[in-house]
Amino acid sequence: MPSYATPQSAGLDLYAALSEEVVIRSGERCLIRTGVAIELPDGYEAQVRSRSGLAVKAGVVVLNSPGTIDADYRGEIAVILANFGASDYVVKHGDRIAQLVIAPVMRISWEESSNITETQRGAGGFGSTGV
């Protein structure tokens, strides 16, 4: 069952639900099941994010972080873990593998336009304001 590690945690820890250990080789990725399905209220989403400790200590991250779970999804939550570390990483049943953050969703209406107001930044991106 997902759980908060501390009273002020923003994310709930997600745990691996495995029948046997999974080895994620260095440079590879794997889909890890959690055994959890949720029902979110309308107007909310759940974001699957990397655990910072797992990232810094083992180089293992959620590949599509943040993964988005829509309010109308009813299937099991699964986590795509990628191993960017130098060594293989073993995932065991019950290991904390990711965190789940619940957030409100802002929906907008699109309007087609042929002009966009100018800004100082303009179209600059990818380091255009400095590294």
C-alpha atoms as a PDB file:
ATOM      1  CA  MET A   1       0.000   0.000   0.000  1.00  0.00           C
ATOM      2  CA  PRO A   2       1.471   3.409  -0.905  1.00  0.00           C
ATOM      3  CA  SER A   3       2.501   5.368   2.182  1.00  0.00           C
ATOM      4  CA  TYR A   4       3.946   8.721   3.230  1.00  0.00           C
ATOM      5  CA  ALA A   5       7.419   8.377   4.779  1.00  0.00           C
ATOM      6  CA  THR A   6       6.981  11.456   6.990  1.00  0.00           C
ATOM      7  CA  PRO A   7       4.059  13.699   8.021  1.00  0.00           C
ATOM      8  CA  GLN A   8       5.223  16.412   5.574  1.00  0.00           C
ATOM      9  CA  SER A   9       6.045  14.167   2.585  1.00  0.00           C
ATOM     10  CA  ALA A  10       4.539  15.366  -0.693  1.00  0.00           C
ATOM     11  CA  GLY A  11       4.817  11.952  -2.327  1.00  0.00           C
ATOM     12  CA  LEU A  12       3.584   8.536  -1.328  1.00  0.00           C
ATOM     13  CA  ASP A  13       6.149   5.759  -1.653  1.00  0.00           C
ATOM     14  CA  LEU A  14       5.279   3.117  -4.249  1.00  0.00           C
ATOM     15  CA  TYR A  15       6.481  -0.436  -3.611  1.00  0.00           C
ATOM     16  CA  ALA A  16       7.445  -3.213  -6.018  1.00  0.00           C
ATOM     17  CA  ALA A  17       4.939  -6.078  -6.184  1.00  0.00           C
ATOM     18  CA  LEU A  18       7.020  -8.953  -7.532  1.00  0.00           C
ATOM     19  CA  SER A  19       6.855 -12.732  -7.440  1.00  0.00           C
ATOM     20  CA  GLU A  20      10.652 -12.855  -7.926  1.00  0.00           C
ATOM     21  CA  GLU A  21      13.574 -10.433  -8.004  1.00  0.00           C
ATOM     22  CA  VAL A  22      14.111  -8.374 -11.142  1.00  0.00           C
ATOM     23  CA  VAL A  23      17.610  -7.420 -12.284  1.00  0.00           C
ATOM     24  CA  ILE A  24      17.834  -4.154 -14.225  1.00  0.00           C
ATOM     25  CA  ARG A  25      21.141  -4.244 -16.038  1.00  0.00           C
ATOM     26  CA  SER A  26      23.201  -1.080 -16.361  1.00  0.00           C
ATOM     27  CA  GLY A  27      21.862   0.930 -19.295  1.00  0.00           C
ATOM     28  CA  GLU A  28      18.558  -0.963 -19.431  1.00  0.00           C
ATOM     29  CA  ARG A  29      14.984  -0.354 -18.313  1.00  0.00           C
ATOM     30  CA  CYS A  30      12.210  -2.492 -16.902  1.00  0.00           C
ATOM     31  CA  LEU A  31       8.497  -2.176 -16.121  1.00  0.00           C
ATOM     32  CA  ILE A  32       7.915  -2.868 -12.416  1.00  0.00           C
ATOM     33  CA  ARG A  33       4.414  -3.619 -11.137  1.00  0.00           C
ATOM     34  CA  THR A  34       3.106  -2.137  -7.890  1.00  0.00           C
ATOM     35  CA  GLY A  35      -0.080  -4.148  -7.337  1.00  0.00           C
ATOM     36  CA  VAL A  36      -1.931  -0.845  -6.779  1.00  0.00           C
ATOM     37  CA  ALA A  37      -4.828   0.731  -8.667  1.00  0.00           C
ATOM     38  CA  ILE A  38      -6.340   4.052  -7.622  1.00  0.00           C
ATOM     39  CA  GLU A  39      -9.472   6.081  -8.263  1.00  0.00           C
ATOM     40  CA  LEU A  40      -8.765   9.791  -8.395  1.00  0.00           C
ATOM     41  CA  PRO A  41     -11.455  12.456  -8.161  1.00  0.00           C
ATOM     42  CA  ASP A  42     -12.214  14.481 -11.278  1.00  0.00           C
ATOM     43  CA  GLY A  43      -9.811  17.378 -11.672  1.00  0.00           C
ATOM     44  CA  TYR A  44      -6.790  15.519 -10.270  1.00  0.00           C
ATOM     45  CA  GLU A  45      -3.878  13.496 -11.603  1.00  0.00           C
ATOM     46  CA  ALA A  46      -1.194  11.354 -10.002  1.00  0.00           C
ATOM     47  CA  GLN A  47       2.450  11.856 -10.960  1.00  0.00           C
ATOM     48  CA  VAL A  48       4.925   8.968 -10.702  1.00  0.00           C
ATOM     49  CA  ARG A  49       8.325  10.416  -9.852  1.00  0.00           C
ATOM     50  CA  SER A  50      11.817   9.146  -9.138  1.00  0.00           C
ATOM     51  CA  ARG A  51      13.012   8.652  -5.578  1.00  0.00           C
ATOM     52  CA  SER A  52      15.985  10.971  -5.067  1.00  0.00           C
ATOM     53  CA  GLY A  53      17.912   8.491  -2.930  1.00  0.00           C
ATOM     54  CA  LEU A  54      17.580   5.729  -5.504  1.00  0.00           C
ATOM     55  CA  ALA A  55      18.691   8.127  -8.234  1.00  0.00           C
ATOM     56  CA  VAL A  56      21.778   9.435  -6.432  1.00  0.00           C
ATOM     57  CA  LYS A  57      22.902   6.137  -4.853  1.00  0.00           C
ATOM     58  CA  ALA A  58      22.183   3.697  -7.692  1.00  0.00           C
ATOM     59  CA  GLY A  59      21.486   5.796 -10.793  1.00  0.00           C
ATOM     60  CA  VAL A  60      17.990   4.302 -11.028  1.00  0.00           C
ATOM     61  CA  VAL A  61      15.206   6.685 -12.097  1.00  0.00           C
ATOM     62  CA  VAL A  62      11.650   6.685 -13.391  1.00  0.00           C
ATOM     63  CA  LEU A  63      12.253   6.874 -17.140  1.00  0.00           C
ATOM     64  CA  ASN A  64       9.198   8.964 -18.053  1.00  0.00           C
ATOM     65  CA  SER A  65       9.263  11.067 -14.893  1.00  0.00           C
ATOM     66  CA  PRO A  66       6.847  12.374 -14.106  1.00  0.00           C
ATOM     67  CA  GLY A  67       4.592   9.649 -15.413  1.00  0.00           C
ATOM     68  CA  THR A  68       0.996  10.845 -15.494  1.00  0.00           C
ATOM     69  CA  ILE A  69      -1.962   8.847 -14.203  1.00  0.00           C
ATOM     70  CA  ASP A  70      -5.225  10.394 -15.370  1.00  0.00           C
ATOM     71  CA  ALA A  71      -8.333  10.494 -13.186  1.00  0.00           C
ATOM     72  CA  ASP A  72     -10.156   8.053 -15.481  1.00  0.00           C
ATOM     73  CA  TYR A  73      -7.395   5.377 -15.486  1.00  0.00           C
ATOM     74  CA  ARG A  74      -8.398   2.275 -13.520  1.00  0.00           C
ATOM     75  CA  GLY A  75      -5.531  -0.136 -14.194  1.00  0.00           C
ATOM     76  CA  GLU A  76      -2.585  -1.146 -12.041  1.00  0.00           C
ATOM     77  CA  ILE A  77       0.153   1.432 -11.588  1.00  0.00           C
ATOM     78  CA  ALA A  78       3.420   0.238 -13.109  1.00  0.00           C
ATOM     79  CA  VAL A  79       6.722   2.090 -13.042  1.00  0.00           C
ATOM     80  CA  ILE A  80       9.314   2.227 -15.829  1.00  0.00           C
ATOM     81  CA  LEU A  81      12.655   2.128 -14.020  1.00  0.00           C
ATOM     82  CA  ALA A  82      15.848   2.876 -15.944  1.00  0.00           C
ATOM     83  CA  ASN A  83      19.300   2.041 -14.631  1.00  0.00           C
ATOM     84  CA  PHE A  84      21.856   4.718 -15.507  1.00  0.00           C
ATOM     85  CA  GLY A  85      24.241   3.431 -12.839  1.00  0.00           C
ATOM     86  CA  ALA A  86      27.482   1.565 -13.500  1.00  0.00           C
ATOM     87  CA  SER A  87      26.215  -1.651 -11.875  1.00  0.00           C
ATOM     88  CA  ASP A  88      23.193  -3.878 -12.287  1.00  0.00           C
ATOM     89  CA  TYR A  89      20.361  -3.074  -9.871  1.00  0.00           C
ATOM     90  CA  VAL A  90      18.217  -5.717  -8.175  1.00  0.00           C
ATOM     91  CA  VAL A  91      14.585  -4.903  -7.373  1.00  0.00           C
ATOM     92  CA  LYS A  92      12.987  -7.084  -4.705  1.00  0.00           C
ATOM     93  CA  HIS A  93       9.361  -7.460  -3.652  1.00  0.00           C
ATOM     94  CA  GLY A  94       8.481  -4.618  -1.288  1.00  0.00           C
ATOM     95  CA  ASP A  95      11.291  -2.277  -2.357  1.00  0.00           C
ATOM     96  CA  ARG A  96      10.370   1.401  -2.557  1.00  0.00           C
ATOM     97  CA  ILE A  97      10.743   2.169  -6.264  1.00  0.00           C
ATOM     98  CA  ALA A  98       9.081   5.539  -6.897  1.00  0.00           C
ATOM     99  CA  GLN A  99       6.869   8.173  -5.359  1.00  0.00           C
ATOM    100  CA  LEU A 100       3.326   9.169  -6.220  1.00  0.00           C
ATOM    101  CA  VAL A 101       2.282  12.825  -6.012  1.00  0.00           C
ATOM    102  CA  ILE A 102      -1.388  13.797  -6.325  1.00  0.00           C
ATOM    103  CA  ALA A 103      -1.929  17.169  -8.016  1.00  0.00           C
ATOM    104  CA  PRO A 104      -4.806  19.274  -9.326  1.00  0.00           C
ATOM    105  CA  VAL A 105      -5.179  19.513 -13.097  1.00  0.00           C
ATOM    106  CA  MET A 106      -5.671  22.816 -14.864  1.00  0.00           C
ATOM    107  CA  ARG A 107      -7.527  22.421 -18.159  1.00  0.00           C
ATOM    108  CA  ILE A 108      -7.504  25.197 -20.715  1.00  0.00           C
ATOM    109  CA  SER A 109      -9.350  26.068 -23.893  1.00  0.00           C
ATOM    110  CA  TRP A 110      -7.180  26.561 -26.965  1.00  0.00           C
ATOM    111  CA  GLU A 111      -7.585  29.524 -29.259  1.00  0.00           C
ATOM    112  CA  GLU A 112      -5.906  29.624 -32.651  1.00  0.00           C
ATOM    113  CA  SER A 113      -4.017  32.829 -33.360  1.00  0.00           C
ATOM    114  CA  SER A 114      -1.690  34.069 -36.072  1.00  0.00           C
ATOM    115  CA  ASN A 115       0.280  36.341 -33.743  1.00  0.00           C
ATOM    116  CA  ILE A 116       1.917  35.857 -30.381  1.00  0.00           C
ATOM    117  CA  THR A 117       3.031  38.772 -28.242  1.00  0.00           C
ATOM    118  CA  GLU A 118       6.762  39.445 -28.158  1.00  0.00           C
ATOM    119  CA  THR A 119       8.835  38.974 -24.988  1.00  0.00           C
ATOM    120  CA  GLN A 120      12.436  39.745 -24.103  1.00  0.00           C
ATOM    121  CA  ARG A 121      13.240  36.038 -24.219  1.00  0.00           C
ATOM    122  CA  GLY A 122      11.455  35.372 -27.506  1.00  0.00           C
ATOM    123  CA  ALA A 123      11.935  31.849 -28.863  1.00  0.00           C
ATOM    124  CA  GLY A 124      15.204  31.253 -26.979  1.00  0.00           C
ATOM    125  CA  GLY A 125      15.395  27.905 -25.218  1.00  0.00           C
ATOM    126  CA  PHE A 126      17.774  25.096 -24.318  1.00  0.00           C
ATOM    127  CA  GLY A 127      20.265  27.206 -22.398  1.00  0.00           C
ATOM    128  CA  SER A 128      19.626  30.524 -24.142  1.00  0.00           C
ATOM    129  CA  THR A 129      19.452  32.335 -20.775  1.00  0.00           C
ATOM    130  CA  GLY A 130      22.659  30.719 -19.498  1.00  0.00           C
ATOM    131  CA  VAL A 131      23.734  27.371 -18.182  1.00  0.00           C
END
